N, C-alpha and C. Protein backbone atom coordinates (compact mmCIF):
# COMPACT_ATOMS: atom_id res chain seq x y z
N MET A 1 -23.60 -6.76 17.90
CA MET A 1 -23.25 -8.09 17.14
C MET A 1 -23.95 -7.42 15.58
N LEU A 2 -22.50 -7.81 14.63
CA LEU A 2 -23.13 -7.39 13.24
C LEU A 2 -23.20 -8.81 12.66
N ASN A 3 -24.15 -9.37 11.84
CA ASN A 3 -24.20 -10.44 11.08
C ASN A 3 -24.18 -10.32 9.25
N LEU A 4 -22.77 -11.21 8.95
CA LEU A 4 -23.01 -10.59 7.37
C LEU A 4 -24.08 -12.38 7.08
N ILE A 5 -25.03 -12.01 6.05
CA ILE A 5 -26.44 -12.78 5.65
C ILE A 5 -25.90 -12.91 3.99
N SER A 6 -26.57 -13.87 3.53
CA SER A 6 -26.16 -14.08 1.61
C SER A 6 -27.90 -13.76 1.42
N THR A 7 -28.12 -12.37 0.79
CA THR A 7 -29.75 -12.42 0.59
C THR A 7 -29.85 -12.72 -1.02
N PRO A 8 -29.41 -13.33 -1.74
CA PRO A 8 -29.34 -13.11 -3.71
C PRO A 8 -30.91 -12.95 -4.13
N GLU A 9 -31.74 -13.32 -3.25
CA GLU A 9 -33.42 -12.45 -3.74
C GLU A 9 -33.44 -11.32 -3.71
N LEU A 10 -32.86 -10.85 -2.95
CA LEU A 10 -33.03 -9.06 -2.64
C LEU A 10 -32.09 -8.24 -3.31
N ALA A 11 -31.79 -6.49 -3.44
CA ALA A 11 -31.54 -5.91 -4.70
C ALA A 11 -29.90 -5.68 -4.12
N HIS A 12 -29.35 -6.06 -2.80
CA HIS A 12 -28.02 -6.12 -2.21
C HIS A 12 -27.94 -7.75 -1.59
N PRO A 13 -27.34 -8.05 -2.44
CA PRO A 13 -27.15 -9.79 -1.85
C PRO A 13 -26.60 -10.42 -0.80
N TYR A 14 -25.88 -9.08 -0.22
CA TYR A 14 -25.19 -9.43 0.89
C TYR A 14 -25.27 -8.04 1.82
N GLN A 15 -26.03 -8.71 2.93
CA GLN A 15 -26.51 -7.42 4.03
C GLN A 15 -26.01 -8.12 5.57
N VAL A 16 -25.24 -6.87 6.18
CA VAL A 16 -24.89 -6.94 7.29
C VAL A 16 -25.61 -6.54 8.61
N VAL A 17 -26.35 -7.29 9.22
CA VAL A 17 -27.64 -7.07 10.17
C VAL A 17 -26.92 -6.95 11.66
N ARG A 18 -27.43 -5.95 11.76
CA ARG A 18 -27.30 -5.42 13.45
C ARG A 18 -28.37 -6.67 14.36
N GLU A 19 -28.06 -6.54 15.99
CA GLU A 19 -28.90 -7.20 16.93
C GLU A 19 -30.34 -7.17 16.58
N ASP A 20 -30.14 -5.62 16.40
CA ASP A 20 -32.36 -5.76 16.37
C ASP A 20 -33.06 -5.90 14.77
N GLY A 21 -31.64 -6.94 14.25
CA GLY A 21 -32.61 -7.25 13.35
C GLY A 21 -32.56 -6.27 11.80
N LEU A 22 -32.10 -4.87 12.10
CA LEU A 22 -32.04 -4.21 11.19
C LEU A 22 -31.10 -3.97 10.34
N PRO A 23 -30.68 -3.47 8.93
CA PRO A 23 -29.42 -3.71 8.76
C PRO A 23 -28.73 -2.83 8.91
N ASP A 24 -26.96 -3.12 8.86
CA ASP A 24 -26.06 -1.82 8.89
C ASP A 24 -26.37 -1.27 7.60
N VAL A 25 -26.84 0.17 7.37
CA VAL A 25 -26.60 0.69 6.06
C VAL A 25 -25.24 0.57 5.62
N VAL A 26 -24.57 1.27 6.06
CA VAL A 26 -22.93 1.43 5.99
C VAL A 26 -22.26 0.60 5.32
N LEU A 27 -22.14 -0.69 6.21
CA LEU A 27 -21.75 -1.80 5.72
C LEU A 27 -22.23 -2.46 4.48
N THR A 28 -23.69 -2.83 4.77
CA THR A 28 -24.57 -3.19 3.50
C THR A 28 -24.15 -2.82 2.39
N LEU A 29 -24.57 -1.33 2.26
CA LEU A 29 -23.87 -0.58 0.94
C LEU A 29 -21.90 -1.05 0.42
N PHE A 30 -21.73 -1.14 1.46
CA PHE A 30 -20.23 -1.38 1.00
C PHE A 30 -20.36 -2.70 -0.11
N ALA A 31 -20.79 -3.69 0.84
CA ALA A 31 -20.48 -4.53 -0.12
C ALA A 31 -21.15 -4.72 -0.99
N ALA A 32 -22.16 -3.88 -1.43
CA ALA A 32 -23.12 -3.64 -2.67
C ALA A 32 -21.55 -3.14 -3.82
N ASP A 33 -20.82 -1.96 -2.82
CA ASP A 33 -19.78 -1.52 -4.13
C ASP A 33 -18.75 -2.57 -4.17
N LEU A 34 -18.31 -3.60 -2.83
CA LEU A 34 -17.43 -4.81 -3.98
C LEU A 34 -17.90 -5.14 -5.33
N LEU A 35 -18.94 -5.59 -4.58
CA LEU A 35 -19.65 -6.28 -6.10
C LEU A 35 -19.11 -5.67 -7.95
N LYS A 36 -18.95 -4.65 -7.12
CA LYS A 36 -19.04 -3.63 -8.86
C LYS A 36 -17.15 -3.98 -8.95
N SER A 37 -16.24 -4.72 -8.46
CA SER A 37 -14.64 -4.98 -8.69
C SER A 37 -14.18 -6.34 -7.95
N LEU A 38 -15.19 -7.28 -7.64
CA LEU A 38 -15.10 -8.29 -7.28
C LEU A 38 -15.68 -9.37 -7.56
N SER A 39 -15.09 -10.59 -7.56
CA SER A 39 -16.31 -11.67 -8.37
C SER A 39 -17.27 -11.81 -6.86
N PRO A 40 -18.43 -12.11 -6.97
CA PRO A 40 -19.31 -12.74 -5.73
C PRO A 40 -18.98 -13.63 -4.98
N SER A 41 -18.21 -14.44 -5.39
CA SER A 41 -17.92 -15.58 -4.14
C SER A 41 -16.67 -14.84 -3.47
N SER A 42 -15.70 -13.46 -4.04
CA SER A 42 -14.61 -13.13 -3.00
C SER A 42 -15.50 -11.94 -1.91
N VAL A 43 -16.61 -11.57 -2.38
CA VAL A 43 -17.37 -10.34 -1.61
C VAL A 43 -17.11 -10.83 0.03
N PRO A 44 -18.42 -11.91 -0.16
CA PRO A 44 -17.65 -12.53 1.57
C PRO A 44 -17.02 -12.74 2.17
N ILE A 45 -15.91 -13.15 1.60
CA ILE A 45 -14.35 -13.06 2.02
C ILE A 45 -14.21 -11.92 2.56
N TYR A 46 -13.84 -10.91 1.96
CA TYR A 46 -13.66 -9.86 2.17
C TYR A 46 -14.47 -9.32 3.47
N MET A 47 -15.76 -9.09 3.20
CA MET A 47 -16.70 -8.88 4.75
C MET A 47 -16.90 -9.04 5.81
N ARG A 48 -16.45 -10.63 5.49
CA ARG A 48 -16.07 -11.13 6.85
C ARG A 48 -15.13 -11.15 7.37
N GLU A 49 -13.95 -10.38 6.94
CA GLU A 49 -12.88 -10.31 7.79
C GLU A 49 -13.18 -8.53 8.73
N VAL A 50 -13.90 -7.59 7.59
CA VAL A 50 -14.19 -6.39 8.12
C VAL A 50 -15.18 -6.49 9.33
N VAL A 51 -16.21 -7.06 8.82
CA VAL A 51 -16.95 -7.78 9.90
C VAL A 51 -16.72 -8.22 11.47
N SER A 52 -16.10 -8.93 11.13
CA SER A 52 -14.99 -9.60 12.33
C SER A 52 -14.63 -8.68 12.91
N ALA A 53 -13.92 -7.45 12.20
CA ALA A 53 -12.80 -6.47 13.06
C ALA A 53 -14.01 -5.04 13.63
N PHE A 54 -15.16 -5.48 13.36
CA PHE A 54 -16.46 -4.58 13.94
C PHE A 54 -16.86 -4.65 15.01
N ASN A 55 -17.12 -6.20 15.39
CA ASN A 55 -17.46 -6.74 16.35
C ASN A 55 -16.88 -6.69 17.33
N TRP A 56 -15.00 -7.02 16.69
CA TRP A 56 -14.14 -7.35 18.04
C TRP A 56 -13.93 -5.97 18.84
N ALA A 57 -14.11 -4.76 18.04
CA ALA A 57 -13.74 -3.99 18.11
C ALA A 57 -15.05 -3.21 19.28
N LEU A 58 -16.63 -3.68 19.33
CA LEU A 58 -17.57 -3.62 20.20
C LEU A 58 -16.91 -3.70 21.23
N ASP A 59 -16.08 -5.06 21.77
CA ASP A 59 -16.20 -5.57 23.31
C ASP A 59 -14.61 -5.56 23.49
N ASP A 60 -13.78 -4.85 22.73
CA ASP A 60 -12.55 -4.96 23.07
C ASP A 60 -12.53 -3.81 24.24
N LYS A 61 -11.57 -4.09 25.51
CA LYS A 61 -11.81 -3.42 26.67
C LYS A 61 -11.16 -2.25 26.69
N VAL A 62 -10.19 -2.11 25.65
CA VAL A 62 -8.75 -1.27 25.43
C VAL A 62 -9.99 -0.26 24.45
N VAL A 63 -9.86 -0.70 23.33
CA VAL A 63 -11.13 0.03 22.47
C VAL A 63 -12.02 0.95 22.32
N VAL A 64 -12.96 -0.17 23.96
CA VAL A 64 -13.85 0.66 24.51
C VAL A 64 -13.50 1.91 25.36
N GLU A 65 -12.32 1.17 26.12
CA GLU A 65 -12.06 2.69 27.14
C GLU A 65 -11.31 3.98 26.33
N LYS A 66 -11.18 3.43 25.74
CA LYS A 66 -9.93 4.68 25.15
C LYS A 66 -10.74 5.45 24.33
N ARG A 67 -12.06 4.77 23.69
CA ARG A 67 -13.43 5.47 22.89
C ARG A 67 -12.56 5.65 21.38
N TRP A 68 -12.01 4.48 20.98
CA TRP A 68 -11.29 4.55 19.55
C TRP A 68 -12.31 3.99 18.64
N SER A 69 -12.71 4.95 17.56
CA SER A 69 -14.18 4.39 16.51
C SER A 69 -13.49 3.72 15.19
N LEU A 70 -13.99 2.83 15.03
CA LEU A 70 -13.17 2.93 13.31
C LEU A 70 -13.97 3.64 12.27
N PHE A 71 -15.09 4.36 12.50
CA PHE A 71 -14.98 6.02 11.93
C PHE A 71 -14.48 7.06 12.38
N GLY A 72 -13.82 6.78 13.63
CA GLY A 72 -13.03 8.32 13.99
C GLY A 72 -11.87 8.44 13.06
N SER A 73 -10.72 9.34 13.57
CA SER A 73 -9.97 9.83 13.09
C SER A 73 -9.09 8.87 12.58
N PRO A 74 -8.24 9.29 11.74
CA PRO A 74 -6.86 8.47 11.20
C PRO A 74 -6.26 7.45 12.21
N LEU A 75 -6.08 8.24 13.46
CA LEU A 75 -4.89 8.15 14.40
C LEU A 75 -5.83 6.84 15.19
N GLU A 76 -7.25 7.09 15.59
CA GLU A 76 -8.03 6.46 16.11
C GLU A 76 -8.57 4.97 15.54
N VAL A 77 -8.43 5.29 14.48
CA VAL A 77 -8.55 4.10 13.29
C VAL A 77 -7.27 3.59 13.47
N ARG A 78 -5.94 3.69 12.97
CA ARG A 78 -4.79 2.85 13.14
C ARG A 78 -4.84 2.63 14.45
N ASN A 79 -5.33 2.78 15.76
CA ASN A 79 -4.69 2.64 17.09
C ASN A 79 -5.83 1.29 17.00
N ALA A 80 -6.88 1.65 16.57
CA ALA A 80 -7.59 0.15 16.93
C ALA A 80 -7.35 -0.62 15.77
N VAL A 81 -7.19 -0.91 14.57
CA VAL A 81 -6.59 -1.86 13.54
C VAL A 81 -5.25 -2.30 14.62
N ARG A 82 -4.46 -1.70 14.79
CA ARG A 82 -3.66 -2.15 15.85
C ARG A 82 -3.69 -3.08 16.74
N GLN A 83 -4.65 -2.77 17.54
CA GLN A 83 -4.85 -3.25 18.83
C GLN A 83 -5.51 -4.76 18.26
N TYR A 84 -6.99 -4.44 17.35
CA TYR A 84 -6.92 -5.68 17.17
C TYR A 84 -6.09 -7.17 16.41
N LEU A 85 -5.22 -6.20 15.22
CA LEU A 85 -4.33 -7.16 15.12
C LEU A 85 -3.44 -7.46 16.35
N THR A 86 -2.36 -7.27 17.12
CA THR A 86 -1.88 -7.42 18.40
C THR A 86 -2.72 -8.32 18.78
N VAL A 87 -3.64 -7.51 18.97
CA VAL A 87 -4.60 -8.63 20.47
C VAL A 87 -5.64 -9.87 20.02
N GLY A 88 -6.67 -9.47 18.73
CA GLY A 88 -7.55 -9.97 18.32
C GLY A 88 -7.02 -11.43 17.56
N ALA A 89 -5.90 -10.62 16.86
CA ALA A 89 -6.03 -11.64 16.14
C ALA A 89 -4.12 -11.98 16.40
N LYS A 90 -3.93 -11.65 16.91
CA LYS A 90 -2.38 -12.61 17.51
C LYS A 90 -1.14 -12.66 16.40
N CYS A 91 -0.92 -11.58 16.12
CA CYS A 91 0.05 -10.60 15.10
C CYS A 91 0.99 -10.28 15.92
N LYS A 92 2.19 -10.74 15.08
CA LYS A 92 3.72 -9.88 15.76
C LYS A 92 3.84 -8.31 15.42
N MET A 93 3.81 -7.40 15.14
CA MET A 93 3.83 -5.92 15.22
C MET A 93 5.29 -5.62 15.35
N ARG A 94 5.81 -4.83 14.05
CA ARG A 94 7.40 -4.01 14.32
C ARG A 94 6.85 -2.89 13.63
N LYS A 95 7.51 -1.24 14.12
CA LYS A 95 7.79 -0.40 13.29
C LYS A 95 8.68 0.63 12.99
N ARG A 96 8.94 0.42 12.18
CA ARG A 96 10.41 0.70 11.92
C ARG A 96 10.51 1.25 10.22
N PRO A 97 11.60 2.05 9.96
CA PRO A 97 11.56 2.93 8.51
C PRO A 97 11.63 1.84 7.83
N ASP A 98 10.92 2.18 6.47
CA ASP A 98 11.43 1.39 5.12
C ASP A 98 12.54 1.87 4.53
N ARG A 99 12.57 1.31 3.35
CA ARG A 99 13.69 1.15 2.51
C ARG A 99 13.87 3.07 2.29
N VAL A 100 12.83 3.66 2.28
CA VAL A 100 13.44 5.31 1.90
C VAL A 100 12.93 6.08 3.43
N GLY A 101 13.18 5.47 4.00
CA GLY A 101 12.84 6.33 5.73
C GLY A 101 11.48 6.33 6.28
N VAL A 102 10.51 6.27 5.53
CA VAL A 102 9.03 6.06 5.74
C VAL A 102 8.63 5.29 7.16
N GLN A 103 8.11 5.73 8.20
CA GLN A 103 7.95 4.86 9.24
C GLN A 103 6.67 3.88 9.19
N VAL A 104 6.76 2.94 9.04
CA VAL A 104 5.61 2.04 8.97
C VAL A 104 5.92 0.79 10.03
N THR A 105 4.41 0.74 10.10
CA THR A 105 4.30 -0.47 10.85
C THR A 105 4.20 -2.08 10.06
N TYR A 106 5.14 -3.11 10.19
CA TYR A 106 5.39 -4.31 9.80
C TYR A 106 4.87 -5.02 10.55
N VAL A 107 3.75 -6.24 10.13
CA VAL A 107 2.85 -6.96 10.32
C VAL A 107 2.98 -8.17 9.97
N HIS A 108 3.87 -9.40 10.91
CA HIS A 108 3.82 -10.76 10.82
C HIS A 108 2.84 -11.27 11.40
N ARG A 109 2.34 -12.98 10.89
CA ARG A 109 1.47 -13.29 11.51
C ARG A 109 2.11 -14.49 12.39
N SER A 110 1.29 -14.91 13.81
CA SER A 110 1.95 -16.34 14.31
C SER A 110 1.13 -17.25 14.27
N ASP A 111 1.50 -18.31 15.15
CA ASP A 111 0.82 -19.54 14.68
C ASP A 111 -0.65 -19.55 15.09
N ASP A 112 -0.99 -18.45 15.70
CA ASP A 112 -2.50 -18.55 16.74
C ASP A 112 -3.08 -16.96 16.12
N THR A 113 -2.55 -16.76 14.92
CA THR A 113 -3.14 -16.03 13.93
C THR A 113 -4.44 -16.95 13.37
N ARG A 114 -5.43 -16.16 13.19
CA ARG A 114 -6.62 -17.12 12.56
C ARG A 114 -7.33 -16.29 11.57
N ILE A 115 -6.75 -15.25 11.20
CA ILE A 115 -7.50 -14.64 10.12
C ILE A 115 -6.63 -14.35 9.17
N ASN A 116 -7.33 -14.17 7.69
CA ASN A 116 -6.13 -13.67 6.87
C ASN A 116 -5.75 -12.04 6.93
N VAL A 117 -4.29 -12.15 7.28
CA VAL A 117 -4.38 -10.60 7.27
C VAL A 117 -3.73 -9.36 6.47
N ARG A 118 -3.51 -10.15 4.84
CA ARG A 118 -3.50 -9.50 3.88
C ARG A 118 -4.95 -8.90 3.40
N ILE A 119 -6.06 -10.08 3.39
CA ILE A 119 -7.41 -10.11 2.76
C ILE A 119 -8.06 -8.75 3.72
N PHE A 120 -7.81 -8.82 5.08
CA PHE A 120 -8.22 -7.99 5.87
C PHE A 120 -7.85 -6.36 5.32
N LEU A 121 -6.59 -6.22 5.79
CA LEU A 121 -6.05 -5.12 5.38
C LEU A 121 -6.29 -4.43 3.81
N ALA A 122 -6.64 -5.23 3.29
CA ALA A 122 -6.68 -4.94 1.53
C ALA A 122 -8.64 -4.12 1.70
N ALA A 123 -9.29 -4.87 2.25
CA ALA A 123 -10.82 -5.01 2.81
C ALA A 123 -10.76 -4.00 3.21
N LEU A 124 -10.07 -3.66 4.24
CA LEU A 124 -10.53 -2.51 5.02
C LEU A 124 -9.88 -1.00 4.73
N ARG A 125 -8.46 -1.14 3.52
CA ARG A 125 -8.48 0.01 3.02
C ARG A 125 -9.87 0.50 2.10
N ARG A 126 -9.52 -0.44 1.27
CA ARG A 126 -11.11 -0.68 -0.12
C ARG A 126 -12.56 0.08 0.82
N PHE A 127 -12.57 -0.31 2.26
CA PHE A 127 -13.32 0.54 2.89
C PHE A 127 -13.70 1.93 3.45
N TYR A 128 -12.18 2.38 3.63
CA TYR A 128 -12.26 3.74 3.40
C TYR A 128 -12.19 4.61 2.41
N ASP A 129 -11.56 3.72 1.17
CA ASP A 129 -11.81 4.23 0.27
C ASP A 129 -13.50 4.49 -0.46
N TYR A 130 -14.07 3.78 0.07
CA TYR A 130 -15.86 3.90 -0.48
C TYR A 130 -16.30 5.29 0.52
N LEU A 131 -15.80 5.02 1.88
CA LEU A 131 -16.67 6.24 2.42
C LEU A 131 -15.86 7.11 2.36
N ILE A 132 -14.80 7.54 1.55
CA ILE A 132 -14.38 8.37 1.19
C ILE A 132 -15.12 9.36 0.06
N ALA A 133 -15.25 8.48 -1.22
CA ALA A 133 -15.34 8.80 -2.03
C ALA A 133 -17.51 8.65 -2.03
N ASP A 134 -17.93 8.26 -1.08
CA ASP A 134 -19.29 8.35 -0.60
C ASP A 134 -19.66 9.40 0.09
N ARG A 135 -18.06 10.04 0.45
CA ARG A 135 -18.57 11.59 1.51
C ARG A 135 -19.44 11.08 2.67
N ARG A 136 -18.51 10.12 3.54
CA ARG A 136 -18.97 9.26 4.65
C ARG A 136 -17.91 9.31 5.78
N TYR A 137 -16.97 9.69 5.10
CA TYR A 137 -15.73 9.86 5.69
C TYR A 137 -14.71 10.99 5.56
N GLN A 138 -14.65 12.23 6.37
CA GLN A 138 -14.03 13.40 5.87
C GLN A 138 -12.93 13.55 5.84
N ASP A 139 -11.84 12.73 6.39
CA ASP A 139 -10.39 12.39 6.62
C ASP A 139 -9.90 11.20 5.38
N SER A 140 -8.29 11.49 5.50
CA SER A 140 -8.02 10.88 4.46
C SER A 140 -7.42 9.30 5.17
N ASN A 141 -7.27 8.10 3.98
CA ASN A 141 -7.48 6.90 4.20
C ASN A 141 -6.71 6.84 5.41
N PRO A 142 -7.11 6.26 6.65
CA PRO A 142 -5.85 5.77 7.40
C PRO A 142 -5.44 4.20 7.29
N LEU A 143 -5.69 3.91 6.36
CA LEU A 143 -4.81 2.67 5.64
C LEU A 143 -3.62 3.21 4.79
N VAL A 144 -3.63 4.93 4.37
CA VAL A 144 -2.68 5.03 3.64
C VAL A 144 -1.63 5.75 4.14
N HIS A 145 -0.32 5.46 4.54
CA HIS A 145 0.40 6.40 4.96
C HIS A 145 0.74 7.63 4.21
N GLU A 146 0.57 9.12 5.03
CA GLU A 146 0.11 10.26 4.43
C GLU A 146 1.76 10.68 3.81
N ASP A 147 2.93 10.29 4.05
CA ASP A 147 3.93 10.78 4.14
C ASP A 147 4.50 9.92 2.50
N VAL A 148 3.79 8.91 1.86
CA VAL A 148 4.31 8.20 0.76
C VAL A 148 4.43 9.30 -0.36
N SER A 149 3.28 10.23 -0.78
CA SER A 149 3.17 10.70 -1.67
C SER A 149 4.32 12.21 -1.56
N ARG A 150 4.62 12.52 -0.59
CA ARG A 150 5.72 13.11 -0.15
C ARG A 150 7.21 12.90 -0.68
N VAL A 151 7.52 11.71 -0.55
CA VAL A 151 8.39 10.86 -0.21
C VAL A 151 8.77 10.88 -2.15
N THR A 152 7.60 10.29 -2.47
CA THR A 152 7.35 9.88 -3.75
C THR A 152 7.52 10.81 -4.73
N SER A 153 7.52 12.06 -4.43
CA SER A 153 7.72 13.22 -5.36
C SER A 153 8.96 13.96 -4.95
N GLU A 154 9.61 13.76 -3.94
CA GLU A 154 10.85 14.38 -3.46
C GLU A 154 12.01 13.51 -4.35
N LEU A 155 11.53 11.90 -4.47
CA LEU A 155 12.80 11.05 -5.49
C LEU A 155 12.54 11.31 -6.91
N LEU A 156 11.33 11.24 -7.45
CA LEU A 156 11.16 12.26 -8.82
C LEU A 156 11.76 12.92 -9.15
N GLN A 157 11.49 14.27 -8.61
CA GLN A 157 12.23 15.25 -8.79
C GLN A 157 13.61 15.15 -8.13
N ASN A 158 14.17 14.54 -7.27
CA ASN A 158 15.65 13.94 -7.50
C ASN A 158 16.34 13.15 -8.78
N TYR A 159 15.68 12.32 -9.66
CA TYR A 159 15.26 11.69 -10.38
C TYR A 159 16.07 12.61 -11.59
N ARG A 160 14.93 13.82 -11.59
CA ARG A 160 14.85 14.39 -12.90
C ARG A 160 15.92 15.59 -12.64
N ARG A 161 15.95 15.87 -11.71
CA ARG A 161 17.48 16.47 -11.01
C ARG A 161 18.63 15.65 -11.82
N ALA A 162 18.87 14.99 -11.48
CA ALA A 162 20.18 13.84 -12.16
C ALA A 162 20.50 13.48 -13.20
N VAL A 163 19.13 13.71 -14.02
CA VAL A 163 19.25 13.25 -15.35
C VAL A 163 19.92 14.53 -15.65
N LYS A 164 19.11 15.70 -15.69
CA LYS A 164 18.92 17.01 -16.16
C LYS A 164 20.56 17.50 -16.28
N GLU A 165 21.06 17.82 -15.29
CA GLU A 165 22.71 17.68 -14.77
C GLU A 165 23.73 16.84 -15.27
N MET A 166 23.27 15.33 -15.63
CA MET A 166 23.97 14.97 -16.61
C MET A 166 23.47 14.82 -18.15
N GLU A 167 22.24 14.84 -18.53
CA GLU A 167 21.91 14.86 -19.93
C GLU A 167 21.61 15.85 -20.44
N GLY A 168 21.59 17.58 -19.50
CA GLY A 168 21.26 18.39 -19.72
C GLY A 168 19.52 18.26 -20.21
N ARG A 169 19.08 17.36 -20.29
CA ARG A 169 17.28 17.58 -20.45
C ARG A 169 16.21 17.07 -19.43
N GLU A 170 15.13 17.34 -19.61
CA GLU A 170 14.38 16.01 -18.54
C GLU A 170 14.84 14.91 -19.51
N PRO A 171 14.09 13.81 -18.50
CA PRO A 171 13.85 12.38 -18.70
C PRO A 171 13.14 12.29 -19.71
N MET A 172 13.50 11.46 -20.30
CA MET A 172 12.37 11.05 -21.45
C MET A 172 11.38 9.95 -20.89
N PRO A 173 10.35 9.70 -21.67
CA PRO A 173 9.56 8.56 -20.76
C PRO A 173 10.03 7.26 -21.07
N ALA A 174 9.60 6.50 -19.53
CA ALA A 174 10.20 5.42 -19.64
C ALA A 174 10.00 4.29 -20.76
N ALA A 175 8.79 5.02 -21.33
CA ALA A 175 8.59 3.96 -22.76
C ALA A 175 9.81 3.94 -23.89
N SER A 176 9.87 5.09 -24.17
CA SER A 176 10.97 5.83 -25.04
C SER A 176 12.58 4.72 -24.64
N GLY A 177 12.86 3.91 -23.33
CA GLY A 177 13.93 3.04 -23.80
C GLY A 177 15.16 4.43 -24.07
N VAL A 178 14.94 5.51 -23.71
CA VAL A 178 16.23 6.39 -23.55
C VAL A 178 17.14 6.47 -22.30
N ASP A 179 16.14 6.69 -21.18
CA ASP A 179 16.52 6.66 -19.97
C ASP A 179 15.93 5.53 -19.10
N PRO A 180 17.15 5.11 -18.42
CA PRO A 180 16.85 3.90 -17.58
C PRO A 180 15.15 4.34 -16.51
N PRO A 181 14.90 3.55 -16.32
CA PRO A 181 13.25 3.83 -15.21
C PRO A 181 13.69 4.25 -14.23
N SER A 182 12.90 5.43 -13.53
CA SER A 182 13.09 5.68 -12.06
C SER A 182 13.30 4.77 -11.23
N GLY A 183 12.64 3.49 -11.11
CA GLY A 183 12.10 2.48 -10.42
C GLY A 183 11.67 2.99 -8.90
N ILE A 184 11.51 4.31 -9.33
CA ILE A 184 10.33 4.25 -7.77
C ILE A 184 8.96 3.64 -7.88
N ARG A 185 8.57 3.13 -6.86
CA ARG A 185 7.38 1.99 -6.67
C ARG A 185 6.90 2.39 -5.24
N LEU A 186 7.17 2.57 -4.38
CA LEU A 186 6.23 2.79 -3.19
C LEU A 186 5.19 1.93 -2.81
N SER A 187 5.28 1.17 -1.68
CA SER A 187 3.84 1.14 -1.22
C SER A 187 3.46 2.12 0.08
N ALA A 188 2.35 2.47 -0.48
CA ALA A 188 1.55 3.33 0.52
C ALA A 188 0.72 3.09 1.64
N ASN A 189 0.46 1.75 1.70
CA ASN A 189 0.09 1.03 2.86
C ASN A 189 0.84 1.54 4.41
N TYR A 190 -0.05 1.77 5.21
CA TYR A 190 0.74 1.96 6.58
C TYR A 190 0.77 0.91 7.34
N PHE A 191 -0.10 0.05 7.23
CA PHE A 191 -0.01 -1.35 7.91
C PHE A 191 0.86 -2.71 6.80
N ARG A 192 1.99 -2.91 6.54
CA ARG A 192 2.52 -3.65 5.60
C ARG A 192 2.75 -5.27 6.24
N PHE A 193 1.69 -6.60 5.50
CA PHE A 193 2.12 -7.41 5.80
C PHE A 193 3.25 -7.96 5.07
N VAL A 194 4.25 -8.90 5.84
CA VAL A 194 5.27 -9.19 4.93
C VAL A 194 5.48 -10.60 5.05
N ASP A 195 4.91 -11.28 5.49
CA ASP A 195 4.76 -12.55 5.82
C ASP A 195 4.55 -13.17 4.23
N GLU A 196 3.66 -12.29 3.37
CA GLU A 196 3.79 -12.69 1.99
C GLU A 196 3.79 -11.45 0.84
N GLU A 197 5.03 -10.89 1.08
CA GLU A 197 5.43 -9.87 0.14
C GLU A 197 6.01 -10.66 -0.65
N TRP A 198 5.73 -10.21 -2.07
CA TRP A 198 6.61 -10.04 -2.99
C TRP A 198 7.97 -9.91 -3.07
N LEU A 199 9.24 -10.69 -3.33
CA LEU A 199 10.35 -10.18 -4.07
C LEU A 199 10.93 -10.76 -5.10
N PRO A 200 11.32 -9.78 -6.32
CA PRO A 200 11.90 -10.58 -7.35
C PRO A 200 12.84 -11.46 -7.06
N LYS A 201 12.87 -12.34 -8.08
CA LYS A 201 14.14 -12.84 -8.12
C LYS A 201 15.12 -13.11 -9.76
N THR A 202 15.41 -12.91 -9.93
CA THR A 202 16.68 -13.44 -11.31
C THR A 202 15.99 -14.92 -11.68
N ILE A 203 15.99 -15.08 -12.86
CA ILE A 203 15.76 -16.64 -13.80
C ILE A 203 16.66 -16.31 -14.31
N ASP A 204 17.70 -17.63 -13.58
CA ASP A 204 19.51 -17.53 -15.00
C ASP A 204 19.38 -18.57 -15.44
N ASP A 205 17.86 -19.36 -15.81
CA ASP A 205 18.23 -20.40 -17.17
C ASP A 205 18.09 -20.24 -18.33
N PRO A 206 19.13 -20.75 -19.04
CA PRO A 206 19.03 -19.87 -20.72
C PRO A 206 18.09 -20.57 -21.55
N ASP A 207 17.41 -21.03 -20.98
CA ASP A 207 16.48 -21.81 -21.43
C ASP A 207 15.17 -21.10 -21.07
N PHE A 208 14.61 -20.81 -20.19
CA PHE A 208 13.23 -19.57 -19.60
C PHE A 208 12.57 -19.37 -20.98
N PRO A 209 12.91 -18.85 -21.70
CA PRO A 209 12.37 -18.12 -22.83
C PRO A 209 11.99 -18.83 -23.78
N HIS A 210 12.39 -20.00 -23.58
CA HIS A 210 11.30 -21.54 -24.97
C HIS A 210 10.89 -21.84 -24.24
N LEU A 211 10.98 -21.88 -23.00
CA LEU A 211 10.05 -22.86 -21.74
C LEU A 211 8.76 -21.97 -22.25
N VAL A 212 8.60 -20.99 -21.68
CA VAL A 212 7.42 -19.84 -21.63
C VAL A 212 6.84 -19.79 -23.20
N TYR A 213 7.84 -19.48 -24.48
CA TYR A 213 7.20 -19.76 -25.86
C TYR A 213 6.09 -21.48 -25.64
N ASP A 214 7.24 -22.30 -25.95
CA ASP A 214 6.33 -23.60 -25.51
C ASP A 214 5.26 -23.80 -25.01
N ALA A 215 4.97 -23.03 -23.53
CA ALA A 215 3.57 -22.73 -23.21
C ALA A 215 2.74 -22.88 -23.66
N GLY A 216 3.09 -21.29 -24.12
CA GLY A 216 2.37 -20.71 -24.69
C GLY A 216 1.29 -21.25 -25.78
N LYS A 217 2.49 -22.21 -26.88
CA LYS A 217 1.83 -22.63 -28.21
C LYS A 217 1.03 -23.94 -27.55
N ARG A 218 1.40 -24.59 -26.02
CA ARG A 218 0.61 -26.04 -25.81
C ARG A 218 -0.57 -25.34 -25.37
N CYS A 219 -1.02 -23.91 -24.81
CA CYS A 219 -1.96 -23.96 -23.58
C CYS A 219 -2.79 -22.96 -24.89
N GLY A 220 -2.12 -22.19 -25.78
CA GLY A 220 -3.02 -21.77 -26.90
C GLY A 220 -3.20 -19.77 -25.77
């Protein structure tokens, strides 16, 4: 069992401690790394989600029987994460192609879900980014879909080819305003939390620019 404790008087303000009283070095160093990019109040929120998943994986019968490790291959990690989200967090999972045909797993909260799914997935992705940067994990990030970079490259090539065929030249930079933007912005997440997915909506209020301008004047 792992426990997250606050130690503001020490070099590492947050430590993850094992049952024997010794710190879990990797998770403690990860907490210190989070402090480089998150506020001190956000770090324990991220760490609690990660520590909860690690504790759950130590006791889950399927994870133990299959010998899935959160430090294992990307397939092992994804299997363990899927098991945690389905059984431990009571989420509903659905695997299907996204809008460009990449097979991904969509995660929905249920009434019984008691974890912050969005923060958990973001924290775990950061965790593997940290492990890879620190050379503690030799594979690619399990939370990043390996096909997204390939699909993005293919879409960009098709876009450049279309502009060249129509205009007889390479596309101009988006900042120039000469060519329409490619519109290619794909999520690289293997697990995608759809309940809080941002969807753009058109604002058709003709007074909207004036409202924004007036708000800026009032608030400085």
